[in-house]
Amino acid sequence: MPKKEDLPSTLQRSPEKAQRTWSEAHDSAVDSYGEGERAHRTAFSALKHGFEKVGDHWEPKEQRGPSDEQASKSGAPARRGGGGTAEGVDANASKSHLYEVAKKLDIPGRSRMDKDDLVEAIKKENGRRTRESRSS
């Protein structure tokens, strides 16, 4: 496993199992594709099957499986610009689960949001918190 400081910042703040999952998938992808963006995309795709991004870190999902429509497609992860992802938000989770994540992140107006709005609001808040964590 790479040194903690070599992991993406969101993983540095995540449980060891998330770090190990990403590292093992990344190492395997490097063996197959070489170092670079494709290896990182592959590692994050593997991570998203067992973890979801909450704020500036990753937490275990209640149920393993793809996190969004893009991850549900077979084959390698999409190339950059090849399709949208939910950026670590478990978009396949129930609306009540997404509501609880939004509540944990203290997202205003969450009770009036539909499922798609909750996914977008969580993505936005996750990005904000990640940027804030990286700058401090």
N, C-alpha and C. Protein backbone atom coordinates (compact mmCIF):
# COMPACT_ATOMS: atom_id res chain seq x y z
N MET A 1 0.85 -1.18 0.00
CA MET A 1 0.00 0.00 0.00
C MET A 1 0.90 1.24 0.00
N PRO A 2 0.56 2.24 -0.82
CA PRO A 2 1.38 3.46 -0.84
C PRO A 2 1.32 4.16 0.51
N LYS A 3 2.30 5.02 0.73
CA LYS A 3 2.29 5.82 1.95
C LYS A 3 1.04 6.68 1.95
N LYS A 4 0.56 6.97 3.15
CA LYS A 4 -0.69 7.72 3.29
C LYS A 4 -0.62 9.05 2.53
N GLU A 5 0.52 9.72 2.57
CA GLU A 5 0.63 11.02 1.90
C GLU A 5 0.63 10.90 0.37
N ASP A 6 0.77 9.67 -0.16
CA ASP A 6 0.72 9.46 -1.61
C ASP A 6 -0.70 9.20 -2.11
N LEU A 7 -1.64 9.00 -1.19
CA LEU A 7 -3.04 8.76 -1.57
C LEU A 7 -3.73 10.08 -1.89
N PRO A 8 -4.79 10.05 -2.72
CA PRO A 8 -5.59 11.26 -2.91
C PRO A 8 -6.06 11.79 -1.55
N SER A 9 -6.19 13.09 -1.43
CA SER A 9 -6.48 13.71 -0.14
C SER A 9 -7.77 13.20 0.49
N THR A 10 -8.80 12.92 -0.31
CA THR A 10 -10.05 12.44 0.27
C THR A 10 -9.86 11.06 0.91
N LEU A 11 -8.95 10.28 0.38
CA LEU A 11 -8.67 8.96 0.95
C LEU A 11 -7.80 9.06 2.20
N GLN A 12 -6.98 10.08 2.28
CA GLN A 12 -6.16 10.27 3.47
C GLN A 12 -7.03 10.48 4.71
N ARG A 13 -8.24 11.00 4.51
CA ARG A 13 -9.17 11.26 5.61
C ARG A 13 -10.21 10.15 5.74
N SER A 14 -10.01 9.03 5.09
CA SER A 14 -10.99 7.94 5.03
C SER A 14 -10.51 6.72 5.80
N PRO A 15 -11.42 5.77 6.07
CA PRO A 15 -11.04 4.56 6.79
C PRO A 15 -9.95 3.77 6.04
N GLU A 16 -9.21 2.99 6.80
CA GLU A 16 -8.11 2.20 6.23
C GLU A 16 -8.61 1.26 5.14
N LYS A 17 -9.78 0.68 5.32
CA LYS A 17 -10.32 -0.24 4.31
C LYS A 17 -10.53 0.48 2.97
N ALA A 18 -10.98 1.71 3.00
CA ALA A 18 -11.15 2.49 1.76
C ALA A 18 -9.78 2.74 1.12
N GLN A 19 -8.81 3.08 1.94
CA GLN A 19 -7.45 3.30 1.44
C GLN A 19 -6.90 2.04 0.80
N ARG A 20 -7.11 0.91 1.46
CA ARG A 20 -6.61 -0.36 0.96
C ARG A 20 -7.31 -0.75 -0.35
N THR A 21 -8.64 -0.56 -0.41
CA THR A 21 -9.41 -0.87 -1.62
C THR A 21 -8.88 -0.07 -2.80
N TRP A 22 -8.71 1.23 -2.62
CA TRP A 22 -8.23 2.09 -3.70
C TRP A 22 -6.81 1.69 -4.10
N SER A 23 -5.96 1.46 -3.12
CA SER A 23 -4.55 1.14 -3.41
C SER A 23 -4.40 -0.16 -4.18
N GLU A 24 -5.15 -1.18 -3.75
CA GLU A 24 -5.05 -2.48 -4.43
C GLU A 24 -5.57 -2.38 -5.86
N ALA A 25 -6.68 -1.68 -6.06
CA ALA A 25 -7.22 -1.51 -7.40
C ALA A 25 -6.27 -0.68 -8.26
N HIS A 26 -5.68 0.35 -7.66
CA HIS A 26 -4.74 1.21 -8.40
C HIS A 26 -3.51 0.43 -8.81
N ASP A 27 -2.95 -0.35 -7.89
CA ASP A 27 -1.76 -1.14 -8.21
C ASP A 27 -2.04 -2.13 -9.34
N SER A 28 -3.20 -2.77 -9.29
CA SER A 28 -3.58 -3.71 -10.34
C SER A 28 -3.76 -2.99 -11.68
N ALA A 29 -4.38 -1.82 -11.65
CA ALA A 29 -4.60 -1.05 -12.87
C ALA A 29 -3.28 -0.55 -13.45
N VAL A 30 -2.34 -0.18 -12.59
CA VAL A 30 -1.02 0.24 -13.08
C VAL A 30 -0.34 -0.91 -13.80
N ASP A 31 -0.47 -2.12 -13.25
CA ASP A 31 0.10 -3.31 -13.91
C ASP A 31 -0.52 -3.51 -15.29
N SER A 32 -1.83 -3.24 -15.41
CA SER A 32 -2.53 -3.45 -16.68
C SER A 32 -2.37 -2.30 -17.67
N TYR A 33 -2.49 -1.06 -17.18
CA TYR A 33 -2.57 0.10 -18.06
C TYR A 33 -1.38 1.05 -17.95
N GLY A 34 -0.56 0.88 -16.93
CA GLY A 34 0.51 1.84 -16.68
C GLY A 34 0.02 2.95 -15.75
N GLU A 35 0.95 3.70 -15.21
CA GLU A 35 0.62 4.79 -14.29
C GLU A 35 -0.09 5.90 -15.07
N GLY A 36 -1.06 6.53 -14.42
CA GLY A 36 -1.73 7.66 -15.06
C GLY A 36 -3.20 7.72 -14.77
N GLU A 37 -3.89 8.53 -15.56
CA GLU A 37 -5.30 8.82 -15.34
C GLU A 37 -6.17 7.57 -15.38
N ARG A 38 -5.89 6.65 -16.30
CA ARG A 38 -6.73 5.46 -16.41
C ARG A 38 -6.64 4.60 -15.15
N ALA A 39 -5.45 4.50 -14.58
CA ALA A 39 -5.28 3.73 -13.34
C ALA A 39 -6.05 4.39 -12.19
N HIS A 40 -6.02 5.71 -12.13
CA HIS A 40 -6.76 6.43 -11.09
C HIS A 40 -8.26 6.25 -11.26
N ARG A 41 -8.76 6.37 -12.50
CA ARG A 41 -10.19 6.20 -12.75
C ARG A 41 -10.65 4.80 -12.36
N THR A 42 -9.82 3.81 -12.70
CA THR A 42 -10.15 2.43 -12.37
C THR A 42 -10.20 2.23 -10.86
N ALA A 43 -9.24 2.80 -10.15
CA ALA A 43 -9.19 2.66 -8.68
C ALA A 43 -10.41 3.33 -8.04
N PHE A 44 -10.78 4.51 -8.51
CA PHE A 44 -11.96 5.17 -7.95
C PHE A 44 -13.23 4.41 -8.28
N SER A 45 -13.28 3.81 -9.46
CA SER A 45 -14.45 3.00 -9.82
C SER A 45 -14.61 1.84 -8.86
N ALA A 46 -13.51 1.17 -8.54
CA ALA A 46 -13.55 0.06 -7.58
C ALA A 46 -13.96 0.56 -6.19
N LEU A 47 -13.43 1.69 -5.79
CA LEU A 47 -13.74 2.26 -4.48
C LEU A 47 -15.23 2.56 -4.35
N LYS A 48 -15.83 3.09 -5.42
CA LYS A 48 -17.24 3.50 -5.38
C LYS A 48 -18.21 2.34 -5.23
N HIS A 49 -17.75 1.11 -5.43
CA HIS A 49 -18.64 -0.04 -5.25
C HIS A 49 -18.87 -0.34 -3.77
N GLY A 50 -17.93 0.05 -2.90
CA GLY A 50 -18.09 -0.23 -1.48
C GLY A 50 -18.14 1.00 -0.59
N PHE A 51 -17.86 2.17 -1.16
CA PHE A 51 -17.79 3.40 -0.38
C PHE A 51 -18.48 4.53 -1.12
N GLU A 52 -18.94 5.52 -0.36
CA GLU A 52 -19.52 6.72 -0.95
C GLU A 52 -18.84 7.93 -0.34
N LYS A 53 -18.76 9.00 -1.12
CA LYS A 53 -18.12 10.21 -0.64
C LYS A 53 -19.14 11.00 0.18
N VAL A 54 -18.73 11.36 1.38
CA VAL A 54 -19.55 12.15 2.29
C VAL A 54 -18.67 13.29 2.78
N GLY A 55 -18.95 14.49 2.29
CA GLY A 55 -18.11 15.63 2.66
C GLY A 55 -16.74 15.49 2.01
N ASP A 56 -15.69 15.46 2.83
CA ASP A 56 -14.32 15.43 2.31
C ASP A 56 -13.65 14.07 2.47
N HIS A 57 -14.46 13.01 2.67
CA HIS A 57 -13.89 11.67 2.87
C HIS A 57 -14.86 10.61 2.36
N TRP A 58 -14.42 9.36 2.41
CA TRP A 58 -15.23 8.23 1.95
C TRP A 58 -15.71 7.41 3.14
N GLU A 59 -16.97 6.98 3.09
CA GLU A 59 -17.56 6.15 4.14
C GLU A 59 -18.11 4.87 3.51
N PRO A 60 -18.13 3.76 4.28
CA PRO A 60 -18.69 2.51 3.74
C PRO A 60 -20.16 2.68 3.37
N LYS A 61 -20.55 2.05 2.25
CA LYS A 61 -21.94 2.06 1.82
C LYS A 61 -22.69 0.97 2.56
N GLU A 62 -23.99 1.14 2.69
CA GLU A 62 -24.82 0.13 3.32
C GLU A 62 -24.85 -1.15 2.49
N GLN A 63 -24.88 -1.01 1.17
CA GLN A 63 -24.88 -2.16 0.26
C GLN A 63 -23.86 -1.92 -0.83
N ARG A 64 -23.06 -2.96 -1.09
CA ARG A 64 -22.07 -2.87 -2.18
C ARG A 64 -22.79 -2.80 -3.52
N GLY A 65 -22.17 -2.14 -4.46
CA GLY A 65 -22.71 -2.08 -5.81
C GLY A 65 -22.35 -0.77 -6.47
N PRO A 66 -22.69 -0.65 -7.76
CA PRO A 66 -22.35 0.58 -8.49
C PRO A 66 -23.04 1.79 -7.86
N SER A 67 -22.37 2.92 -7.93
CA SER A 67 -22.88 4.11 -7.27
C SER A 67 -23.71 5.01 -8.19
N ASP A 68 -23.60 4.81 -9.49
CA ASP A 68 -24.35 5.65 -10.42
C ASP A 68 -24.50 4.92 -11.75
N GLU A 69 -25.21 5.53 -12.67
CA GLU A 69 -25.48 4.89 -13.95
C GLU A 69 -24.19 4.57 -14.70
N GLN A 70 -23.23 5.47 -14.66
CA GLN A 70 -21.96 5.25 -15.35
C GLN A 70 -21.25 4.01 -14.81
N ALA A 71 -21.24 3.85 -13.49
CA ALA A 71 -20.58 2.70 -12.86
C ALA A 71 -21.32 1.40 -13.12
N SER A 72 -22.59 1.49 -13.48
CA SER A 72 -23.39 0.29 -13.76
C SER A 72 -23.06 -0.32 -15.12
N LYS A 73 -22.45 0.47 -16.01
CA LYS A 73 -22.12 -0.02 -17.34
C LYS A 73 -20.92 -0.95 -17.25
N SER A 74 -20.94 -1.98 -18.07
CA SER A 74 -19.83 -2.93 -18.04
C SER A 74 -18.60 -2.34 -18.73
N GLY A 75 -17.46 -2.91 -18.41
CA GLY A 75 -16.22 -2.48 -19.03
C GLY A 75 -15.48 -1.49 -18.17
N ALA A 76 -14.44 -0.90 -18.74
CA ALA A 76 -13.58 0.04 -18.02
C ALA A 76 -14.32 1.32 -17.71
N PRO A 77 -13.85 2.06 -16.70
CA PRO A 77 -14.49 3.34 -16.38
C PRO A 77 -14.44 4.28 -17.58
N ALA A 78 -15.40 5.17 -17.62
CA ALA A 78 -15.51 6.10 -18.75
C ALA A 78 -14.27 6.97 -18.87
N ARG A 79 -13.94 7.30 -20.09
CA ARG A 79 -12.88 8.26 -20.31
C ARG A 79 -13.37 9.62 -19.88
N ARG A 80 -12.45 10.48 -19.60
CA ARG A 80 -12.81 11.82 -19.19
C ARG A 80 -13.73 12.44 -20.25
N GLY A 81 -14.84 12.96 -19.84
CA GLY A 81 -15.79 13.55 -20.77
C GLY A 81 -16.67 12.52 -21.45
N GLY A 82 -16.48 11.24 -21.12
CA GLY A 82 -17.22 10.18 -21.79
C GLY A 82 -18.54 9.86 -21.12
N GLY A 83 -18.89 10.57 -20.09
CA GLY A 83 -20.15 10.32 -19.40
C GLY A 83 -20.06 10.83 -17.99
N GLY A 84 -21.15 11.28 -17.47
CA GLY A 84 -21.15 11.85 -16.14
C GLY A 84 -21.19 10.81 -15.05
N THR A 85 -20.63 11.14 -13.93
CA THR A 85 -20.72 10.30 -12.75
C THR A 85 -21.33 11.12 -11.63
N ALA A 86 -21.64 10.46 -10.55
CA ALA A 86 -22.18 11.16 -9.39
C ALA A 86 -21.06 11.58 -8.44
N GLU A 87 -19.81 11.47 -8.91
CA GLU A 87 -18.64 11.94 -8.16
C GLU A 87 -18.56 11.36 -6.76
N GLY A 88 -18.87 10.09 -6.63
CA GLY A 88 -18.76 9.42 -5.35
C GLY A 88 -20.04 9.39 -4.53
N VAL A 89 -21.04 10.15 -4.94
CA VAL A 89 -22.34 10.11 -4.27
C VAL A 89 -23.03 8.83 -4.71
N ASP A 90 -23.63 8.10 -3.79
CA ASP A 90 -24.32 6.85 -4.13
C ASP A 90 -25.69 7.18 -4.70
N ALA A 91 -25.71 7.54 -5.98
CA ALA A 91 -26.95 7.95 -6.64
C ALA A 91 -27.95 6.81 -6.77
N ASN A 92 -27.50 5.57 -6.59
CA ASN A 92 -28.41 4.42 -6.65
C ASN A 92 -29.04 4.13 -5.29
N ALA A 93 -28.64 4.86 -4.27
CA ALA A 93 -29.21 4.68 -2.93
C ALA A 93 -30.65 5.22 -2.90
N SER A 94 -31.35 4.86 -1.85
CA SER A 94 -32.73 5.35 -1.71
C SER A 94 -32.75 6.85 -1.42
N LYS A 95 -33.89 7.46 -1.67
CA LYS A 95 -34.05 8.88 -1.38
C LYS A 95 -33.86 9.13 0.11
N SER A 96 -34.34 8.22 0.95
CA SER A 96 -34.20 8.41 2.40
C SER A 96 -32.73 8.36 2.82
N HIS A 97 -31.93 7.51 2.18
CA HIS A 97 -30.50 7.47 2.50
C HIS A 97 -29.84 8.79 2.07
N LEU A 98 -30.16 9.24 0.87
CA LEU A 98 -29.59 10.50 0.39
C LEU A 98 -30.00 11.66 1.29
N TYR A 99 -31.25 11.63 1.76
CA TYR A 99 -31.71 12.66 2.70
C TYR A 99 -30.87 12.64 3.97
N GLU A 100 -30.57 11.45 4.49
CA GLU A 100 -29.75 11.34 5.71
C GLU A 100 -28.34 11.86 5.49
N VAL A 101 -27.78 11.58 4.32
CA VAL A 101 -26.45 12.12 4.00
C VAL A 101 -26.52 13.64 3.93
N ALA A 102 -27.56 14.17 3.28
CA ALA A 102 -27.74 15.63 3.19
C ALA A 102 -27.91 16.24 4.57
N LYS A 103 -28.61 15.53 5.44
CA LYS A 103 -28.80 16.00 6.81
C LYS A 103 -27.45 16.04 7.55
N LYS A 104 -26.66 14.99 7.38
CA LYS A 104 -25.33 14.93 8.00
C LYS A 104 -24.45 16.09 7.53
N LEU A 105 -24.62 16.46 6.25
CA LEU A 105 -23.84 17.56 5.67
C LEU A 105 -24.49 18.92 5.90
N ASP A 106 -25.65 18.92 6.57
CA ASP A 106 -26.39 20.14 6.90
C ASP A 106 -26.74 20.97 5.66
N ILE A 107 -27.25 20.28 4.64
CA ILE A 107 -27.64 20.94 3.39
C ILE A 107 -29.02 21.56 3.57
N PRO A 108 -29.12 22.87 3.39
CA PRO A 108 -30.42 23.54 3.57
C PRO A 108 -31.39 23.17 2.46
N GLY A 109 -32.68 23.13 2.79
CA GLY A 109 -33.73 22.87 1.82
C GLY A 109 -33.86 21.41 1.42
N ARG A 110 -33.15 20.51 2.10
CA ARG A 110 -33.13 19.09 1.72
C ARG A 110 -34.51 18.44 1.77
N SER A 111 -35.37 18.88 2.66
CA SER A 111 -36.69 18.24 2.79
C SER A 111 -37.58 18.49 1.58
N ARG A 112 -37.28 19.52 0.80
CA ARG A 112 -38.09 19.84 -0.39
C ARG A 112 -37.46 19.28 -1.67
N MET A 113 -36.33 18.59 -1.55
CA MET A 113 -35.62 18.11 -2.74
C MET A 113 -36.07 16.72 -3.16
N ASP A 114 -36.08 16.50 -4.49
CA ASP A 114 -36.30 15.14 -4.97
C ASP A 114 -34.94 14.42 -5.01
N LYS A 115 -34.93 13.19 -5.41
CA LYS A 115 -33.72 12.38 -5.36
C LYS A 115 -32.58 12.99 -6.19
N ASP A 116 -32.89 13.41 -7.41
CA ASP A 116 -31.84 14.01 -8.26
C ASP A 116 -31.29 15.29 -7.65
N ASP A 117 -32.16 16.10 -7.05
CA ASP A 117 -31.71 17.33 -6.41
C ASP A 117 -30.80 17.02 -5.22
N LEU A 118 -31.14 15.97 -4.47
CA LEU A 118 -30.30 15.58 -3.33
C LEU A 118 -28.91 15.15 -3.80
N VAL A 119 -28.86 14.36 -4.88
CA VAL A 119 -27.56 13.93 -5.42
C VAL A 119 -26.74 15.15 -5.81
N GLU A 120 -27.33 16.09 -6.53
CA GLU A 120 -26.61 17.29 -6.96
C GLU A 120 -26.15 18.14 -5.77
N ALA A 121 -27.01 18.30 -4.78
CA ALA A 121 -26.66 19.10 -3.60
C ALA A 121 -25.52 18.44 -2.82
N ILE A 122 -25.55 17.13 -2.70
CA ILE A 122 -24.49 16.41 -1.99
C ILE A 122 -23.18 16.52 -2.76
N LYS A 123 -23.23 16.36 -4.09
CA LYS A 123 -22.03 16.53 -4.92
C LYS A 123 -21.41 17.91 -4.69
N LYS A 124 -22.26 18.92 -4.72
CA LYS A 124 -21.78 20.30 -4.56
C LYS A 124 -21.15 20.50 -3.17
N GLU A 125 -21.80 20.00 -2.14
CA GLU A 125 -21.28 20.16 -0.78
C GLU A 125 -20.00 19.33 -0.59
N ASN A 126 -19.96 18.13 -1.16
CA ASN A 126 -18.74 17.32 -1.08
C ASN A 126 -17.57 18.08 -1.70
N GLY A 127 -17.80 18.66 -2.87
CA GLY A 127 -16.74 19.43 -3.54
C GLY A 127 -16.29 20.61 -2.70
N ARG A 128 -17.24 21.32 -2.13
CA ARG A 128 -16.89 22.48 -1.29
C ARG A 128 -16.05 22.05 -0.10
N ARG A 129 -16.46 20.98 0.57
CA ARG A 129 -15.72 20.52 1.75
C ARG A 129 -14.35 19.97 1.39
N THR A 130 -14.25 19.31 0.26
CA THR A 130 -12.95 18.80 -0.18
C THR A 130 -12.01 19.95 -0.47
N ARG A 131 -12.48 20.97 -1.19
CA ARG A 131 -11.64 22.14 -1.48
C ARG A 131 -11.20 22.81 -0.19
N GLU A 132 -12.12 22.94 0.75
CA GLU A 132 -11.82 23.57 2.03
C GLU A 132 -10.76 22.77 2.80
N SER A 133 -10.87 21.44 2.79
CA SER A 133 -9.91 20.59 3.49
C SER A 133 -8.53 20.68 2.85
N ARG A 134 -8.49 20.76 1.54
CA ARG A 134 -7.19 20.83 0.84
C ARG A 134 -6.49 22.15 1.09
N SER A 135 -7.25 23.22 1.28
CA SER A 135 -6.63 24.53 1.47
C SER A 135 -6.19 24.78 2.90
N SER A 136 -6.63 23.94 3.83
CA SER A 136 -6.25 24.18 5.24
C SER A 136 -5.09 23.32 5.67
